[in-house]
Amino acid sequence: MKLFYDNDGEKQLVDGEYLKSFVLRNDLVPIPVTLEADIRVEDESLPFFKQGQKVYTVNDDEFIILKSEPISSGKIQGGNIAQFVRITAVLSSLINACYVKEKSIFKKNTTLADIYRSIGCRADAIEGDFTVPLFSCMAGEPPSYQIAVILQESAGVMRWRDGKLAFMRLGDLFNQEVITDIPITAGETVESGFLERHEIPSFYSVDDSGNFIYGNKEKARTARFVANKDQLTLKNMSTCLVLKQISRIAYNDNIVAGDLLQVNADENLVVITAAHVFSAGIDGDPPRQYTKLWLGELHK
């Protein structure tokens, strides 16, 4: 695991003896990748890890630090207390999706790429882009929430792989090639049909004639009203990935959210979240390096 920081426009490697811990988290959300790290710093290197500074992963993904806080190990080395800084960073190309907007943004018959650009993100092209009938983000709201609503209504997710942002529909995730297999014994199986029926509602609305229209009513679920939605959108809103298994495997940062994995001979699950964890074992902590996966199946 390697981490770089920005030194007057040049990438500098964080020495392995100074990188205490590192977590690279990949999700199926509007801002798909986040980075968390604890780094030992000296007085002269501390400014490189302040809020707003850039850090980079080994595959050249660029991040901007959203949060930086000093932490103390309480240990003395060379007559000085060892200093550490804890940073949280997000993809720099998508950072503007995090901040609340000063002005309202309203767009009709637009695309996801145009929405990301309109909120200040660098998204020149999005694989699988599609037409969005309406996007509305009021002043004082974070646009990432409004993008998440669009994804729910389209039964899709955003994913980040090989430096590219892509939209994929949930059904298409399971039509991919399986990239690897993992033993079911490596994970913790999660099942609760009771909770699913409470937490995944059936949506309904009213058409132009004043008649009720419904989404998926095949199961007894909680019901929720939404205005101005057609039947296809109502069905999409109940389509989701449900957590089925949590697995901890050997470190493998080639696995990202949205990948399809085989967990036994007859079951394939999609990675909802992939967290790649590295701990150097500084200050007596045990060294660790592993990948933790949250895997889900499709429910409609």
Protein backbone atom coordinates (compact mmCIF):
# COMPACT_ATOMS: atom_id res chain seq x y z
CA MET A 1 0.00 0.00 0.00
CA LYS A 2 1.46 3.35 -1.04
CA LEU A 3 0.26 6.89 -0.46
CA PHE A 4 1.61 10.06 -2.05
CA TYR A 5 1.23 13.73 -1.11
CA ASP A 6 1.52 16.91 -3.14
CA ASN A 7 4.74 18.88 -2.71
CA ASP A 8 4.49 22.03 -4.86
CA GLY A 9 2.98 20.09 -7.75
CA GLU A 10 5.19 17.02 -7.39
CA LYS A 11 4.02 13.73 -5.93
CA GLN A 12 6.06 12.55 -2.97
CA LEU A 13 5.81 9.11 -1.41
CA VAL A 14 4.83 8.89 2.25
CA ASP A 15 7.62 6.87 3.81
CA GLY A 16 6.40 3.43 4.93
CA GLU A 17 7.68 4.11 8.44
CA TYR A 18 5.36 7.13 8.66
CA LEU A 19 2.17 5.60 7.26
CA LYS A 20 0.55 4.15 10.38
CA SER A 21 -2.74 3.00 8.86
CA PHE A 22 -4.69 3.39 5.66
CA VAL A 23 -8.23 2.51 4.54
CA LEU A 24 -9.37 2.90 0.92
CA ARG A 25 -13.15 2.55 0.76
CA ASN A 26 -15.03 1.95 -2.49
CA ASP A 27 -18.86 2.20 -2.55
CA LEU A 28 -21.83 2.30 -4.95
CA VAL A 29 -22.79 5.89 -4.15
CA PRO A 30 -22.61 9.33 -5.86
CA ILE A 31 -19.07 9.86 -4.47
CA PRO A 32 -17.76 6.30 -4.74
CA VAL A 33 -14.28 6.44 -3.19
CA THR A 34 -13.00 7.78 0.13
CA LEU A 35 -9.64 7.52 1.83
CA GLU A 36 -8.76 7.54 5.52
CA ALA A 37 -5.20 7.48 6.89
CA ASP A 38 -3.15 8.04 10.06
CA ILE A 39 0.24 9.50 9.18
CA ARG A 40 3.19 10.36 11.38
CA VAL A 41 4.35 13.92 10.68
CA GLU A 42 7.12 16.29 11.63
CA ASP A 43 6.64 20.06 11.97
CA GLU A 44 7.88 20.61 8.40
CA SER A 45 5.64 17.94 6.84
CA LEU A 46 2.41 18.78 8.69
CA PRO A 47 1.30 21.47 6.16
CA PHE A 48 1.17 18.84 3.41
CA PHE A 49 -1.72 17.11 5.21
CA LYS A 50 -3.91 20.08 6.04
CA GLN A 51 -7.51 20.38 4.84
CA GLY A 52 -7.59 21.16 1.11
CA GLN A 53 -4.27 19.47 0.30
CA LYS A 54 -4.02 16.66 -2.25
CA VAL A 55 -3.02 13.04 -1.76
CA TYR A 56 -2.75 10.25 -4.31
CA THR A 57 -3.03 6.47 -4.40
CA VAL A 58 -0.69 4.22 -6.35
CA ASN A 59 -3.13 4.05 -9.30
CA ASP A 60 -2.99 7.89 -9.65
CA ASP A 61 -6.45 8.58 -8.21
CA GLU A 62 -6.33 12.12 -6.81
CA PHE A 63 -7.99 13.00 -3.49
CA ILE A 64 -8.56 16.23 -1.59
CA ILE A 65 -8.41 16.19 2.19
CA LEU A 66 -11.80 17.13 3.65
CA LYS A 67 -10.83 16.67 7.28
CA SER A 68 -7.48 16.75 9.05
CA GLU A 69 -7.03 16.38 12.79
CA PRO A 70 -3.87 15.96 14.86
CA ILE A 71 -3.65 12.93 17.13
CA SER A 72 -0.99 12.07 19.66
CA SER A 73 0.47 8.64 20.22
CA GLY A 74 1.58 9.62 23.71
CA LYS A 75 4.98 8.11 22.99
CA ILE A 76 8.29 9.97 23.09
CA GLN A 77 10.95 9.40 20.48
CA GLY A 78 14.19 11.39 20.40
CA GLY A 79 12.99 13.58 23.23
CA ASN A 80 9.83 14.63 21.33
CA ILE A 81 6.26 13.35 21.40
CA ALA A 82 5.51 11.56 18.13
CA GLN A 83 2.92 13.52 16.12
CA PHE A 84 0.29 11.94 13.92
CA VAL A 85 -2.40 13.42 11.71
CA ARG A 86 -5.65 11.66 10.79
CA ILE A 87 -7.02 12.58 7.37
CA THR A 88 -10.25 11.88 5.51
CA ALA A 89 -10.22 12.56 1.76
CA VAL A 90 -12.51 12.15 -1.24
CA LEU A 91 -11.95 12.06 -4.99
CA SER A 92 -10.94 15.57 -6.02
CA SER A 93 -12.94 15.39 -9.28
CA LEU A 94 -16.17 14.85 -7.28
CA ILE A 95 -15.52 16.87 -4.13
CA ASN A 96 -18.04 19.60 -5.02
CA ALA A 97 -20.84 17.05 -4.70
CA CYS A 98 -20.13 17.04 -0.94
CA TYR A 99 -20.73 20.71 -0.26
CA VAL A 100 -24.10 22.38 0.19
CA LYS A 101 -24.88 24.76 -2.67
CA GLU A 102 -25.14 28.52 -2.31
CA LYS A 103 -27.64 28.74 -5.19
CA SER A 104 -30.43 26.45 -6.32
CA ILE A 105 -29.80 24.26 -9.38
CA PHE A 106 -32.72 23.20 -11.56
CA LYS A 107 -32.33 21.19 -14.77
CA LYS A 108 -34.78 19.37 -17.04
CA ASN A 109 -34.07 16.62 -19.59
CA THR A 110 -30.42 16.55 -18.68
CA THR A 111 -27.80 13.81 -18.16
CA LEU A 112 -25.85 12.57 -15.14
CA ALA A 113 -22.61 13.97 -16.57
CA ASP A 114 -24.25 17.38 -17.01
CA ILE A 115 -25.58 17.24 -13.44
CA TYR A 116 -22.11 16.53 -12.05
CA ARG A 117 -20.66 19.38 -14.14
CA SER A 118 -23.38 21.79 -13.04
CA ILE A 119 -22.43 21.28 -9.37
CA GLY A 120 -18.75 21.87 -10.08
CA CYS A 121 -17.46 18.31 -10.52
CA ARG A 122 -15.05 17.20 -13.24
CA ALA A 123 -17.09 14.54 -15.00
CA ASP A 124 -16.53 14.92 -18.73
CA ALA A 125 -18.03 11.52 -19.52
CA ILE A 126 -19.88 8.89 -17.51
CA GLU A 127 -20.10 5.34 -18.80
CA GLY A 128 -23.72 4.25 -19.08
CA ASP A 129 -24.99 7.85 -18.89
CA PHE A 130 -28.71 8.41 -19.45
CA THR A 131 -31.31 11.16 -19.65
CA VAL A 132 -32.63 12.47 -16.33
CA PRO A 133 -36.09 14.09 -16.60
CA LEU A 134 -35.58 16.45 -13.66
CA PHE A 135 -32.80 17.46 -11.27
CA SER A 136 -33.48 19.89 -8.47
CA CYS A 137 -31.05 20.91 -5.73
CA MET A 138 -32.18 23.74 -3.51
CA ALA A 139 -29.80 26.26 -1.95
CA GLY A 140 -28.41 24.84 1.29
CA GLU A 141 -28.72 21.19 0.15
CA PRO A 142 -25.87 18.79 -0.71
CA PRO A 143 -26.29 17.64 -4.33
CA SER A 144 -25.04 14.13 -3.51
CA TYR A 145 -28.39 13.46 -1.80
CA GLN A 146 -30.36 14.55 -4.89
CA ILE A 147 -28.16 12.37 -7.12
CA ALA A 148 -28.84 9.43 -4.80
CA VAL A 149 -32.59 9.99 -5.30
CA ILE A 150 -32.10 9.85 -9.08
CA LEU A 151 -30.17 6.59 -8.71
CA GLN A 152 -32.95 5.05 -6.62
CA GLU A 153 -35.60 6.08 -9.14
CA SER A 154 -33.50 4.55 -11.93
CA ALA A 155 -32.67 1.33 -10.02
CA GLY A 156 -28.99 2.01 -10.53
CA VAL A 157 -25.72 2.93 -8.84
CA MET A 158 -22.56 4.90 -9.47
CA ARG A 159 -19.25 3.04 -9.46
CA TRP A 160 -15.58 3.92 -9.84
CA ARG A 161 -13.15 1.60 -11.60
CA ASP A 162 -9.87 2.28 -13.38
CA GLY A 163 -10.19 6.02 -12.86
CA LYS A 164 -13.61 6.24 -14.51
CA LEU A 165 -17.06 7.05 -13.17
CA ALA A 166 -19.88 4.85 -14.44
CA PHE A 167 -23.62 4.35 -13.97
CA MET A 168 -24.91 0.78 -13.89
CA ARG A 169 -28.38 -0.57 -13.38
CA LEU A 170 -28.71 -3.05 -10.54
CA GLY A 171 -29.81 -5.88 -12.80
CA ASP A 172 -26.80 -5.38 -15.07
CA LEU A 173 -24.42 -5.82 -12.14
CA PHE A 174 -25.39 -9.50 -12.05
CA ASN A 175 -24.88 -9.93 -15.81
CA GLN A 176 -21.16 -9.24 -15.54
CA GLU A 177 -18.39 -11.80 -15.61
CA VAL A 178 -17.42 -13.12 -12.18
CA ILE A 179 -13.98 -11.71 -11.38
CA THR A 180 -13.06 -14.14 -8.59
CA ASP A 181 -14.50 -16.54 -6.06
CA ILE A 182 -14.30 -16.47 -2.29
CA PRO A 183 -15.16 -19.24 0.19
CA ILE A 184 -18.45 -18.78 1.99
CA THR A 185 -16.62 -19.76 5.19
CA ALA A 186 -14.64 -16.50 4.90
CA GLY A 187 -17.71 -14.45 5.67
CA GLU A 188 -20.61 -13.81 7.97
CA THR A 189 -24.01 -14.52 6.43
CA VAL A 190 -26.72 -11.92 7.01
CA GLU A 191 -30.39 -12.80 6.55
CA SER A 192 -33.54 -11.15 7.83
CA GLY A 193 -36.69 -11.18 5.74
CA PHE A 194 -38.49 -9.47 8.63
CA LEU A 195 -36.26 -6.40 8.49
CA GLU A 196 -36.33 -6.33 4.68
CA ARG A 197 -40.12 -5.98 4.62
CA HIS A 198 -39.93 -3.09 7.06
CA GLU A 199 -37.00 -1.27 5.49
CA ILE A 200 -37.75 -1.78 1.76
CA PRO A 201 -41.12 -0.11 1.19
CA SER A 202 -43.58 -0.44 -1.65
CA PHE A 203 -44.18 2.95 -3.27
CA TYR A 204 -47.41 4.34 -4.68
CA SER A 205 -48.53 7.55 -6.35
CA VAL A 206 -51.49 9.15 -8.14
CA ASP A 207 -51.82 9.46 -11.93
CA ASP A 208 -53.25 12.38 -13.92
CA SER A 209 -56.77 10.97 -13.53
CA GLY A 210 -56.52 10.82 -9.74
CA ASN A 211 -56.21 7.03 -9.62
CA PHE A 212 -53.70 5.29 -7.41
CA ILE A 213 -50.78 3.58 -9.15
CA TYR A 214 -48.51 1.12 -7.39
CA GLY A 215 -44.98 -0.20 -7.65
CA ASN A 216 -44.02 -3.68 -6.50
CA LYS A 217 -46.80 -5.18 -4.34
CA GLU A 218 -45.73 -8.83 -4.54
CA LYS A 219 -44.75 -8.82 -0.86
CA ALA A 220 -46.41 -7.39 2.21
CA ARG A 221 -44.33 -4.29 2.93
CA THR A 222 -44.58 -0.88 4.44
CA ALA A 223 -46.12 1.58 1.96
CA ARG A 224 -44.85 5.06 1.13
CA PHE A 225 -46.44 7.75 -1.02
CA VAL A 226 -44.39 9.76 -3.55
CA ALA A 227 -45.85 12.39 -5.85
CA ASN A 228 -45.62 12.61 -9.64
CA LYS A 229 -44.05 9.20 -10.34
CA ASP A 230 -44.99 6.68 -13.03
CA GLN A 231 -45.33 2.96 -12.43
CA LEU A 232 -41.86 2.07 -13.74
CA THR A 233 -40.22 4.57 -11.41
CA LEU A 234 -42.25 3.25 -8.48
CA LYS A 235 -41.02 -0.28 -9.19
CA ASN A 236 -37.43 0.92 -9.56
CA MET A 237 -37.57 2.61 -6.17
CA SER A 238 -38.15 -0.74 -4.43
CA THR A 239 -35.31 -2.43 -6.33
CA CYS A 240 -32.15 -2.56 -4.24
CA LEU A 241 -29.14 -4.55 -3.11
CA VAL A 242 -29.65 -6.31 0.22
CA LEU A 243 -26.64 -7.21 2.36
CA LYS A 244 -26.16 -10.98 2.30
CA GLN A 245 -22.59 -11.59 3.44
CA ILE A 246 -19.64 -9.79 5.07
CA SER A 247 -16.28 -11.29 4.16
CA ARG A 248 -12.70 -10.61 5.16
CA ILE A 249 -10.14 -11.88 2.66
CA ALA A 250 -6.47 -11.42 1.81
CA TYR A 251 -5.64 -7.91 0.64
CA ASN A 252 -6.84 -7.43 -2.96
CA ASP A 253 -7.30 -3.84 -4.13
CA ASN A 254 -8.31 -5.05 -7.59
CA ILE A 255 -11.79 -5.72 -6.13
CA VAL A 256 -14.04 -2.65 -6.17
CA ALA A 257 -17.70 -1.97 -5.48
CA GLY A 258 -19.92 -3.25 -8.27
CA ASP A 259 -17.81 -6.33 -9.02
CA LEU A 260 -19.49 -9.72 -9.18
CA LEU A 261 -18.05 -12.46 -6.96
CA GLN A 262 -18.86 -16.15 -6.65
CA VAL A 263 -19.35 -17.20 -3.04
CA ASN A 264 -20.29 -20.81 -3.66
CA ALA A 265 -21.03 -23.07 -6.60
CA ASP A 266 -24.47 -21.63 -7.33
CA GLU A 267 -24.52 -18.10 -5.89
CA ASN A 268 -23.05 -14.84 -7.15
CA LEU A 269 -23.09 -11.67 -5.08
CA VAL A 270 -22.22 -8.06 -5.89
CA VAL A 271 -19.72 -6.04 -3.88
CA ILE A 272 -21.64 -3.20 -2.20
CA THR A 273 -18.59 -1.88 -0.35
CA ALA A 274 -14.93 -2.85 -0.53
CA ALA A 275 -12.61 -1.58 2.22
CA HIS A 276 -8.89 -2.16 1.69
CA VAL A 277 -7.14 -1.92 5.05
CA PHE A 278 -3.43 -1.54 5.78
CA SER A 279 -1.76 -1.11 9.16
CA ALA A 280 2.03 -0.90 9.34
CA GLY A 281 2.35 -2.02 12.95
CA ILE A 282 3.86 1.26 14.15
CA ASP A 283 4.03 1.92 17.93
CA GLY A 284 3.54 -1.72 18.85
CA ASP A 285 0.28 -2.22 16.94
CA PRO A 286 0.11 -5.53 15.06
CA PRO A 287 0.68 -5.20 11.29
CA ARG A 288 -2.45 -5.94 9.28
CA GLN A 289 -3.35 -6.01 5.61
CA TYR A 290 -6.70 -7.29 4.39
CA THR A 291 -9.78 -6.51 2.30
CA LYS A 292 -13.24 -6.44 3.85
CA LEU A 293 -16.23 -6.91 1.55
CA TRP A 294 -19.93 -6.25 2.03
CA LEU A 295 -21.76 -8.42 -0.51
CA GLY A 296 -25.37 -8.16 -1.61
CA GLU A 297 -28.06 -9.80 -3.65
CA LEU A 298 -30.77 -8.17 -5.78
CA HIS A 299 -34.23 -7.66 -4.32
CA LYS A 300 -37.20 -6.16 -6.15
